[in-house]
């Protein structure tokens, strides 16, 4: 997601807080990444949600709570500071564990 410079904190706060997907079967975690050096006047926020299977993710996509959230969102205008949103689906092919300090 590309946002105007200085507006990433509201996106990070929203996605960094617990949400209804946290209670769904197969939900693993959410990571929120920030690229402040995307351009001189924009920042990039990458949100990665992980599920233990594609079926678990599809269960979330088809759940009543997810559908209601998107229906409510359609009635609201997207904030003007959000410049671009792209949704992509990736299949994890490899992973390594290590300690992460934030």
Protein backbone atom coordinates (compact mmCIF):
# COMPACT_ATOMS: atom_id res chain seq x y z
CA UNK A 1 0.00 0.00 0.00
CA UNK A 2 1.37 3.41 -0.92
CA UNK A 3 0.47 6.30 1.38
CA UNK A 4 1.38 9.96 1.59
CA UNK A 5 4.43 10.70 3.70
CA UNK A 6 3.54 10.83 7.40
CA UNK A 7 0.39 8.71 7.19
CA UNK A 8 1.82 5.22 7.66
CA UNK A 9 1.29 5.23 11.44
CA UNK A 10 -2.51 5.02 11.13
CA UNK A 11 -2.23 1.99 8.83
CA UNK A 12 0.35 0.35 11.09
CA UNK A 13 -1.82 0.94 14.17
CA UNK A 14 -4.90 -0.56 12.50
CA UNK A 15 -3.16 -3.66 11.16
CA UNK A 16 -0.90 -4.08 14.20
CA UNK A 17 -3.88 -4.33 16.54
CA UNK A 18 -5.85 -7.53 17.13
CA UNK A 19 -8.64 -8.13 14.65
CA UNK A 20 -11.35 -10.68 13.94
CA UNK A 21 -9.07 -12.77 11.71
CA UNK A 22 -6.99 -13.56 14.81
CA UNK A 23 -9.76 -15.89 16.01
CA UNK A 24 -10.19 -17.73 12.72
CA UNK A 25 -9.03 -21.34 12.41
CA UNK A 26 -5.71 -21.54 10.60
CA UNK A 27 -4.66 -17.93 11.20
CA UNK A 28 -0.91 -17.78 11.90
CA UNK A 29 0.10 -14.11 12.15
CA UNK A 30 0.25 -10.63 10.63
CA UNK A 31 3.43 -8.70 9.85
CA UNK A 32 3.39 -5.02 9.00
CA UNK A 33 6.46 -3.68 7.19
CA UNK A 34 7.30 -0.05 6.48
CA UNK A 35 9.48 1.44 3.74
CA UNK A 36 9.85 5.13 4.62
CA UNK A 37 12.26 5.65 1.71
CA UNK A 38 9.77 4.60 -0.98
CA UNK A 39 9.88 8.10 -2.52
CA UNK A 40 10.33 11.68 -1.41
CA UNK A 41 6.62 12.15 -0.63
CA UNK A 42 5.27 8.61 -0.15
CA UNK A 43 5.75 5.61 2.13
CA UNK A 44 5.08 1.95 1.44
CA UNK A 45 3.31 -0.24 3.99
CA UNK A 46 3.33 -3.99 3.31
CA UNK A 47 0.89 -6.15 5.27
CA UNK A 48 1.52 -9.88 5.28
CA UNK A 49 -1.10 -12.19 6.74
CA UNK A 50 -0.10 -15.82 7.08
CA UNK A 51 -2.43 -18.80 7.22
CA UNK A 52 -1.58 -22.44 7.76
CA UNK A 53 -3.28 -23.37 4.47
CA UNK A 54 -4.98 -21.81 1.49
CA UNK A 55 -8.21 -23.43 2.68
CA UNK A 56 -7.94 -21.58 6.03
CA UNK A 57 -7.44 -18.29 4.19
CA UNK A 58 -10.42 -19.02 1.93
CA UNK A 59 -12.46 -19.75 5.07
CA UNK A 60 -11.62 -16.26 6.31
CA UNK A 61 -12.44 -14.70 2.93
CA UNK A 62 -15.85 -16.42 2.92
CA UNK A 63 -16.63 -15.79 6.60
CA UNK A 64 -19.58 -13.60 7.55
CA UNK A 65 -17.38 -11.24 9.57
CA UNK A 66 -15.00 -10.66 6.64
CA UNK A 67 -17.84 -10.10 4.19
CA UNK A 68 -19.54 -7.65 6.58
CA UNK A 69 -16.30 -5.72 7.07
CA UNK A 70 -15.96 -5.26 3.32
CA UNK A 71 -19.61 -4.32 2.88
CA UNK A 72 -19.21 -1.62 5.52
CA UNK A 73 -16.00 -0.47 3.85
CA UNK A 74 -17.78 0.04 0.53
CA UNK A 75 -19.97 2.71 2.09
CA UNK A 76 -16.93 4.63 3.32
CA UNK A 77 -14.65 6.60 1.05
CA UNK A 78 -11.02 5.48 1.07
CA UNK A 79 -8.84 8.03 2.89
CA UNK A 80 -7.21 10.42 0.42
CA UNK A 81 -3.74 9.74 1.86
CA UNK A 82 -3.89 6.15 0.51
CA UNK A 83 -2.48 6.39 -3.00
CA UNK A 84 -2.44 2.74 -4.11
CA UNK A 85 -3.43 -0.69 -2.82
CA UNK A 86 -2.42 -4.00 -4.35
CA UNK A 87 -3.50 -7.39 -2.98
CA UNK A 88 -1.35 -10.39 -3.86
CA UNK A 89 -1.48 -14.05 -2.92
CA UNK A 90 1.81 -15.85 -2.34
CA UNK A 91 2.49 -19.49 -1.50
CA UNK A 92 5.32 -19.96 0.97
CA UNK A 93 7.96 -22.30 -0.40
CA UNK A 94 10.70 -21.98 2.22
CA UNK A 95 11.19 -20.50 5.67
CA UNK A 96 13.91 -20.20 8.29
CA UNK A 97 13.52 -19.44 11.99
CA UNK A 98 15.61 -16.97 13.90
CA UNK A 99 15.23 -14.42 16.61
CA UNK A 100 13.61 -11.14 15.67
CA UNK A 101 13.91 -7.99 17.73
CA UNK A 102 11.69 -5.04 16.98
